[in-house]
Amino acid sequence: MTNTIKHQGIVENITGSLAFVRIIQTTACTACSAKGYCSSSESKEKIIEVLIPTNLFLKVGDAVLITGETSMGMMAVLWAFVLPFLLLIISLFSMMSLTDGNELLSSSLSLAILVPYYFILWINKERMKKNFSFTIKPIK
Protein backbone atom coordinates (compact mmCIF):
# COMPACT_ATOMS: atom_id res chain seq x y z
CA MET A 1 0.00 0.00 0.00
CA THR A 2 1.35 3.40 -0.97
CA ASN A 3 1.69 6.22 1.57
CA THR A 4 0.71 8.98 -0.84
CA ILE A 5 -2.51 10.26 -2.33
CA LYS A 6 -2.18 11.53 -5.90
CA HIS A 7 -4.69 13.40 -8.02
CA GLN A 8 -4.34 14.92 -11.44
CA GLY A 9 -5.94 18.31 -11.82
CA ILE A 10 -6.17 21.57 -13.71
CA VAL A 11 -5.18 24.94 -12.24
CA GLU A 12 -8.40 26.97 -12.08
CA ASN A 13 -7.12 30.13 -10.41
CA ILE A 14 -3.94 31.56 -8.93
CA THR A 15 -4.02 34.08 -6.11
CA GLY A 16 -0.61 35.15 -4.84
CA SER A 17 1.22 31.98 -3.85
CA LEU A 18 -1.93 29.84 -3.80
CA ALA A 19 -3.19 27.71 -6.66
CA PHE A 20 -6.78 26.52 -6.77
CA VAL A 21 -6.75 23.18 -8.55
CA ARG A 22 -9.84 21.37 -9.85
CA ILE A 23 -9.62 17.61 -9.38
CA ILE A 24 -12.10 14.87 -10.10
CA GLN A 25 -12.43 12.68 -7.03
CA THR A 26 -13.61 9.22 -8.01
CA THR A 27 -14.57 6.13 -6.11
CA ALA A 28 -12.78 2.88 -6.82
CA CYS A 29 -15.84 1.70 -8.72
CA THR A 30 -15.52 4.41 -11.36
CA ALA A 31 -12.70 2.56 -13.12
CA CYS A 32 -14.67 -0.71 -13.13
CA SER A 33 -15.90 -2.02 -16.48
CA ALA A 34 -19.30 -2.85 -14.96
CA LYS A 35 -19.94 0.68 -13.68
CA GLY A 36 -22.73 1.22 -16.22
CA TYR A 37 -24.74 -1.56 -14.63
CA CYS A 38 -24.07 -0.52 -11.04
CA SER A 39 -25.48 2.41 -9.12
CA SER A 40 -22.56 2.77 -6.69
CA SER A 41 -20.04 4.42 -9.05
CA GLU A 42 -19.63 8.10 -8.34
CA SER A 43 -17.30 11.00 -9.07
CA LYS A 44 -17.16 14.58 -7.77
CA GLU A 45 -15.27 17.69 -8.79
CA LYS A 46 -13.40 19.40 -5.98
CA ILE A 47 -11.28 22.53 -5.73
CA ILE A 48 -8.09 22.01 -3.72
CA GLU A 49 -6.06 24.94 -2.40
CA VAL A 50 -2.31 24.33 -2.79
CA LEU A 51 0.67 26.48 -1.83
CA ILE A 52 2.91 27.06 -4.88
CA PRO A 53 6.65 26.66 -4.21
CA THR A 54 8.71 29.75 -5.08
CA ASN A 55 10.67 27.90 -7.79
CA LEU A 56 7.53 26.73 -9.64
CA PHE A 57 5.79 28.85 -12.27
CA LEU A 58 2.20 27.88 -13.05
CA LYS A 59 -0.56 29.47 -15.06
CA VAL A 60 -4.31 28.93 -15.23
CA GLY A 61 -5.13 25.85 -17.28
CA ASP A 62 -1.91 23.95 -16.50
CA ALA A 63 -2.23 20.22 -15.80
CA VAL A 64 -0.73 19.39 -12.42
CA LEU A 65 -0.25 16.47 -10.05
CA ILE A 66 -1.37 17.04 -6.46
CA THR A 67 0.28 14.81 -3.85
CA GLY A 68 -0.46 14.35 -0.17
CA GLU A 69 0.30 11.85 2.56
CA THR A 70 -2.30 9.24 3.52
CA SER A 71 -1.61 10.14 7.14
CA MET A 72 -3.23 13.53 6.39
CA GLY A 73 -6.43 11.76 5.42
CA MET A 74 -6.39 9.63 8.52
CA MET A 75 -5.76 12.68 10.71
CA ALA A 76 -8.63 14.55 9.02
CA VAL A 77 -10.98 11.61 9.70
CA LEU A 78 -9.84 11.59 13.32
CA TRP A 79 -10.54 15.32 13.81
CA ALA A 80 -13.78 15.45 11.81
CA PHE A 81 -15.48 12.16 12.75
CA VAL A 82 -13.79 9.99 15.39
CA LEU A 83 -13.17 12.60 18.10
CA PRO A 84 -16.64 14.19 17.77
CA PHE A 85 -18.22 10.73 17.93
CA LEU A 86 -16.30 9.91 21.12
CA LEU A 87 -17.19 13.32 22.56
CA LEU A 88 -20.84 12.71 21.73
CA ILE A 89 -20.94 9.26 23.35
CA ILE A 90 -19.03 10.29 26.48
CA SER A 91 -21.13 13.43 26.92
CA LEU A 92 -24.36 11.48 26.37
CA PHE A 93 -23.60 9.01 29.15
CA SER A 94 -22.37 11.81 31.41
CA MET A 95 -25.51 13.86 30.80
CA MET A 96 -27.72 10.81 31.37
CA SER A 97 -26.25 10.41 34.85
CA LEU A 98 -26.43 14.16 35.58
CA THR A 99 -30.04 14.58 34.43
CA ASP A 100 -31.37 11.45 36.17
CA GLY A 101 -32.07 9.66 32.89
CA ASN A 102 -33.85 12.46 31.01
CA GLU A 103 -33.13 11.23 27.48
CA LEU A 104 -34.36 14.27 25.57
CA LEU A 105 -32.37 16.73 27.66
CA SER A 106 -29.27 14.49 27.68
CA SER A 107 -29.26 13.99 23.93
CA SER A 108 -29.89 17.69 23.28
CA LEU A 109 -27.02 18.73 25.55
CA SER A 110 -24.72 16.11 23.99
CA LEU A 111 -25.46 17.41 20.51
CA ALA A 112 -24.98 20.98 21.74
CA ILE A 113 -21.46 20.08 22.90
CA LEU A 114 -20.50 19.48 19.27
CA VAL A 115 -21.16 23.13 18.39
CA PRO A 116 -18.18 24.50 20.35
CA TYR A 117 -16.03 21.57 19.16
CA TYR A 118 -16.56 22.39 15.49
CA PHE A 119 -16.32 26.12 16.23
CA ILE A 120 -12.87 25.55 17.77
CA LEU A 121 -11.86 23.57 14.67
CA TRP A 122 -13.09 26.43 12.48
CA ILE A 123 -11.11 28.99 14.51
CA ASN A 124 -7.96 26.88 14.09
CA LYS A 125 -8.39 26.25 10.36
CA GLU A 126 -5.35 28.34 9.41
CA ARG A 127 -3.16 26.41 11.83
CA MET A 128 -4.58 23.12 10.57
CA LYS A 129 -3.96 24.10 6.93
CA LYS A 130 -0.24 23.90 7.66
CA ASN A 131 -0.62 20.28 8.74
CA PHE A 132 -2.98 19.34 5.91
CA SER A 133 -1.11 20.61 2.86
CA PHE A 134 -0.62 19.14 -0.58
CA THR A 135 2.38 19.49 -2.86
CA ILE A 136 2.02 20.40 -6.50
CA LYS A 137 4.06 19.70 -9.62
CA PRO A 138 3.29 20.26 -13.29
CA ILE A 139 2.53 17.38 -15.65
CA LYS A 140 4.49 17.71 -18.87
C-alpha atoms as a PDB file:
ATOM      1  CA  MET A   1       0.000   0.000   0.000  1.00  0.00           C
ATOM      2  CA  THR A   2       1.351   3.400  -0.969  1.00  0.00           C
ATOM      3  CA  ASN A   3       1.686   6.221   1.566  1.00  0.00           C
ATOM      4  CA  THR A   4       0.708   8.980  -0.843  1.00  0.00           C
ATOM      5  CA  ILE A   5      -2.514  10.256  -2.328  1.00  0.00           C
ATOM      6  CA  LYS A   6      -2.179  11.527  -5.905  1.00  0.00           C
ATOM      7  CA  HIS A   7      -4.689  13.402  -8.018  1.00  0.00           C
ATOM      8  CA  GLN A   8      -4.339  14.924 -11.443  1.00  0.00           C
ATOM      9  CA  GLY A   9      -5.942  18.311 -11.816  1.00  0.00           C
ATOM     10  CA  ILE A  10      -6.172  21.571 -13.708  1.00  0.00           C
ATOM     11  CA  VAL A  11      -5.179  24.945 -12.242  1.00  0.00           C
ATOM     12  CA  GLU A  12      -8.397  26.969 -12.077  1.00  0.00           C
ATOM     13  CA  ASN A  13      -7.123  30.129 -10.406  1.00  0.00           C
ATOM     14  CA  ILE A  14      -3.937  31.560  -8.933  1.00  0.00           C
ATOM     15  CA  THR A  15      -4.021  34.081  -6.105  1.00  0.00           C
ATOM     16  CA  GLY A  16      -0.611  35.146  -4.843  1.00  0.00           C
ATOM     17  CA  SER A  17       1.219  31.977  -3.854  1.00  0.00           C
ATOM     18  CA  LEU A  18      -1.934  29.842  -3.796  1.00  0.00           C
ATOM     19  CA  ALA A  19      -3.193  27.711  -6.658  1.00  0.00           C
ATOM     20  CA  PHE A  20      -6.777  26.524  -6.769  1.00  0.00           C
ATOM     21  CA  VAL A  21      -6.747  23.175  -8.549  1.00  0.00           C
ATOM     22  CA  ARG A  22      -9.841  21.366  -9.846  1.00  0.00           C
ATOM     23  CA  ILE A  23      -9.621  17.615  -9.381  1.00  0.00           C
ATOM     24  CA  ILE A  24     -12.099  14.872 -10.101  1.00  0.00           C
ATOM     25  CA  GLN A  25     -12.432  12.682  -7.031  1.00  0.00           C
ATOM     26  CA  THR A  26     -13.610   9.224  -8.007  1.00  0.00           C
ATOM     27  CA  THR A  27     -14.570   6.132  -6.109  1.00  0.00           C
ATOM     28  CA  ALA A  28     -12.781   2.876  -6.821  1.00  0.00           C
ATOM     29  CA  CYS A  29     -15.839   1.696  -8.716  1.00  0.00           C
ATOM     30  CA  THR A  30     -15.516   4.411 -11.364  1.00  0.00           C
ATOM     31  CA  ALA A  31     -12.700   2.559 -13.118  1.00  0.00           C
ATOM     32  CA  CYS A  32     -14.667  -0.709 -13.132  1.00  0.00           C
ATOM     33  CA  SER A  33     -15.896  -2.022 -16.479  1.00  0.00           C
ATOM     34  CA  ALA A  34     -19.297  -2.846 -14.962  1.00  0.00           C
ATOM     35  CA  LYS A  35     -19.945   0.683 -13.678  1.00  0.00           C
ATOM     36  CA  GLY A  36     -22.734   1.222 -16.225  1.00  0.00           C
ATOM     37  CA  TYR A  37     -24.735  -1.562 -14.630  1.00  0.00           C
ATOM     38  CA  CYS A  38     -24.071  -0.521 -11.041  1.00  0.00           C
ATOM     39  CA  SER A  39     -25.479   2.413  -9.120  1.00  0.00           C
ATOM     40  CA  SER A  40     -22.558   2.775  -6.690  1.00  0.00           C
ATOM     41  CA  SER A  41     -20.042   4.420  -9.052  1.00  0.00           C
ATOM     42  CA  GLU A  42     -19.629   8.105  -8.345  1.00  0.00           C
ATOM     43  CA  SER A  43     -17.297  11.001  -9.073  1.00  0.00           C
ATOM     44  CA  LYS A  44     -17.161  14.581  -7.774  1.00  0.00           C
ATOM     45  CA  GLU A  45     -15.274  17.691  -8.788  1.00  0.00           C
ATOM     46  CA  LYS A  46     -13.401  19.403  -5.980  1.00  0.00           C
ATOM     47  CA  ILE A  47     -11.281  22.530  -5.730  1.00  0.00           C
ATOM     48  CA  ILE A  48      -8.087  22.014  -3.721  1.00  0.00           C
ATOM     49  CA  GLU A  49      -6.059  24.944  -2.398  1.00  0.00           C
ATOM     50  CA  VAL A  50      -2.313  24.326  -2.786  1.00  0.00           C
ATOM     51  CA  LEU A  51       0.672  26.483  -1.835  1.00  0.00           C
ATOM     52  CA  ILE A  52       2.907  27.060  -4.880  1.00  0.00           C
ATOM     53  CA  PRO A  53       6.654  26.656  -4.205  1.00  0.00           C
ATOM     54  CA  THR A  54       8.706  29.750  -5.080  1.00  0.00           C
ATOM     55  CA  ASN A  55      10.675  27.903  -7.794  1.00  0.00           C
ATOM     56  CA  LEU A  56       7.532  26.729  -9.640  1.00  0.00           C
ATOM     57  CA  PHE A  57       5.791  28.846 -12.269  1.00  0.00           C
ATOM     58  CA  LEU A  58       2.197  27.878 -13.052  1.00  0.00           C
ATOM     59  CA  LYS A  59      -0.565  29.466 -15.062  1.00  0.00           C
ATOM     60  CA  VAL A  60      -4.309  28.926 -15.225  1.00  0.00           C
ATOM     61  CA  GLY A  61      -5.132  25.847 -17.285  1.00  0.00           C
ATOM     62  CA  ASP A  62      -1.906  23.949 -16.495  1.00  0.00           C
ATOM     63  CA  ALA A  63      -2.228  20.224 -15.803  1.00  0.00           C
ATOM     64  CA  VAL A  64      -0.725  19.385 -12.420  1.00  0.00           C
ATOM     65  CA  LEU A  65      -0.252  16.470 -10.052  1.00  0.00           C
ATOM     66  CA  ILE A  66      -1.368  17.039  -6.457  1.00  0.00           C
ATOM     67  CA  THR A  67       0.284  14.812  -3.851  1.00  0.00           C
ATOM     68  CA  GLY A  68      -0.457  14.352  -0.168  1.00  0.00           C
ATOM     69  CA  GLU A  69       0.305  11.854   2.556  1.00  0.00           C
ATOM     70  CA  THR A  70      -2.297   9.241   3.516  1.00  0.00           C
ATOM     71  CA  SER A  71      -1.613  10.135   7.136  1.00  0.00           C
ATOM     72  CA  MET A  72      -3.234  13.533   6.394  1.00  0.00           C
ATOM     73  CA  GLY A  73      -6.434  11.760   5.417  1.00  0.00           C
ATOM     74  CA  MET A  74      -6.391   9.627   8.523  1.00  0.00           C
ATOM     75  CA  MET A  75      -5.764  12.677  10.710  1.00  0.00           C
ATOM     76  CA  ALA A  76      -8.630  14.551   9.023  1.00  0.00           C
ATOM     77  CA  VAL A  77     -10.985  11.614   9.697  1.00  0.00           C
ATOM     78  CA  LEU A  78      -9.845  11.586  13.319  1.00  0.00           C
ATOM     79  CA  TRP A  79     -10.540  15.319  13.814  1.00  0.00           C
ATOM     80  CA  ALA A  80     -13.776  15.447  11.808  1.00  0.00           C
ATOM     81  CA  PHE A  81     -15.476  12.160  12.755  1.00  0.00           C
ATOM     82  CA  VAL A  82     -13.792   9.988  15.393  1.00  0.00           C
ATOM     83  CA  LEU A  83     -13.166  12.604  18.105  1.00  0.00           C
ATOM     84  CA  PRO A  84     -16.643  14.192  17.769  1.00  0.00           C
ATOM     85  CA  PHE A  85     -18.218  10.728  17.931  1.00  0.00           C
ATOM     86  CA  LEU A  86     -16.301   9.911  21.119  1.00  0.00           C
ATOM     87  CA  LEU A  87     -17.186  13.323  22.558  1.00  0.00           C
ATOM     88  CA  LEU A  88     -20.842  12.712  21.728  1.00  0.00           C
ATOM     89  CA  ILE A  89     -20.938   9.257  23.348  1.00  0.00           C
ATOM     90  CA  ILE A  90     -19.029  10.292  26.479  1.00  0.00           C
ATOM     91  CA  SER A  91     -21.130  13.431  26.921  1.00  0.00           C
ATOM     92  CA  LEU A  92     -24.365  11.477  26.374  1.00  0.00           C
ATOM     93  CA  PHE A  93     -23.598   9.011  29.152  1.00  0.00           C
ATOM     94  CA  SER A  94     -22.374  11.815  31.410  1.00  0.00           C
ATOM     95  CA  MET A  95     -25.514  13.861  30.798  1.00  0.00           C
ATOM     96  CA  MET A  96     -27.723  10.811  31.374  1.00  0.00           C
ATOM     97  CA  SER A  97     -26.247  10.414  34.849  1.00  0.00           C
ATOM     98  CA  LEU A  98     -26.427  14.158  35.584  1.00  0.00           C
ATOM     99  CA  THR A  99     -30.036  14.583  34.434  1.00  0.00           C
ATOM    100  CA  ASP A 100     -31.367  11.454  36.170  1.00  0.00           C
ATOM    101  CA  GLY A 101     -32.071   9.660  32.886  1.00  0.00           C
ATOM    102  CA  ASN A 102     -33.855  12.456  31.014  1.00  0.00           C
ATOM    103  CA  GLU A 103     -33.127  11.231  27.482  1.00  0.00           C
ATOM    104  CA  LEU A 104     -34.363  14.267  25.574  1.00  0.00           C
ATOM    105  CA  LEU A 105     -32.366  16.727  27.661  1.00  0.00           C
ATOM    106  CA  SER A 106     -29.274  14.494  27.682  1.00  0.00           C
ATOM    107  CA  SER A 107     -29.256  13.987  23.928  1.00  0.00           C
ATOM    108  CA  SER A 108     -29.888  17.688  23.284  1.00  0.00           C
ATOM    109  CA  LEU A 109     -27.022  18.729  25.550  1.00  0.00           C
ATOM    110  CA  SER A 110     -24.724  16.114  23.990  1.00  0.00           C
ATOM    111  CA  LEU A 111     -25.458  17.412  20.510  1.00  0.00           C
ATOM    112  CA  ALA A 112     -24.975  20.984  21.735  1.00  0.00           C
ATOM    113  CA  ILE A 113     -21.463  20.080  22.901  1.00  0.00           C
ATOM    114  CA  LEU A 114     -20.498  19.480  19.270  1.00  0.00           C
ATOM    115  CA  VAL A 115     -21.161  23.127  18.394  1.00  0.00           C
ATOM    116  CA  PRO A 116     -18.179  24.497  20.348  1.00  0.00           C
ATOM    117  CA  TYR A 117     -16.026  21.570  19.162  1.00  0.00           C
ATOM    118  CA  TYR A 118     -16.564  22.390  15.491  1.00  0.00           C
ATOM    119  CA  PHE A 119     -16.321  26.119  16.230  1.00  0.00           C
ATOM    120  CA  ILE A 120     -12.867  25.552  17.768  1.00  0.00           C
ATOM    121  CA  LEU A 121     -11.861  23.575  14.670  1.00  0.00           C
ATOM    122  CA  TRP A 122     -13.085  26.431  12.476  1.00  0.00           C
ATOM    123  CA  ILE A 123     -11.112  28.989  14.511  1.00  0.00           C
ATOM    124  CA  ASN A 124      -7.961  26.880  14.093  1.00  0.00           C
ATOM    125  CA  LYS A 125      -8.387  26.252  10.363  1.00  0.00           C
ATOM    126  CA  GLU A 126      -5.350  28.339   9.405  1.00  0.00           C
ATOM    127  CA  ARG A 127      -3.155  26.407  11.825  1.00  0.00           C
ATOM    128  CA  MET A 128      -4.580  23.122  10.565  1.00  0.00           C
ATOM    129  CA  LYS A 129      -3.963  24.099   6.930  1.00  0.00           C
ATOM    130  CA  LYS A 130      -0.239  23.903   7.661  1.00  0.00           C
ATOM    131  CA  ASN A 131      -0.618  20.277   8.736  1.00  0.00           C
ATOM    132  CA  PHE A 132      -2.985  19.342   5.905  1.00  0.00           C
ATOM    133  CA  SER A 133      -1.114  20.608   2.864  1.00  0.00           C
ATOM    134  CA  PHE A 134      -0.616  19.139  -0.584  1.00  0.00           C
ATOM    135  CA  THR A 135       2.378  19.486  -2.864  1.00  0.00           C
ATOM    136  CA  ILE A 136       2.022  20.402  -6.504  1.00  0.00           C
ATOM    137  CA  LYS A 137       4.062  19.703  -9.623  1.00  0.00           C
ATOM    138  CA  PRO A 138       3.293  20.255 -13.291  1.00  0.00           C
ATOM    139  CA  ILE A 139       2.526  17.385 -15.654  1.00  0.00           C
ATOM    140  CA  LYS A 140       4.495  17.710 -18.870  1.00  0.00           C
END
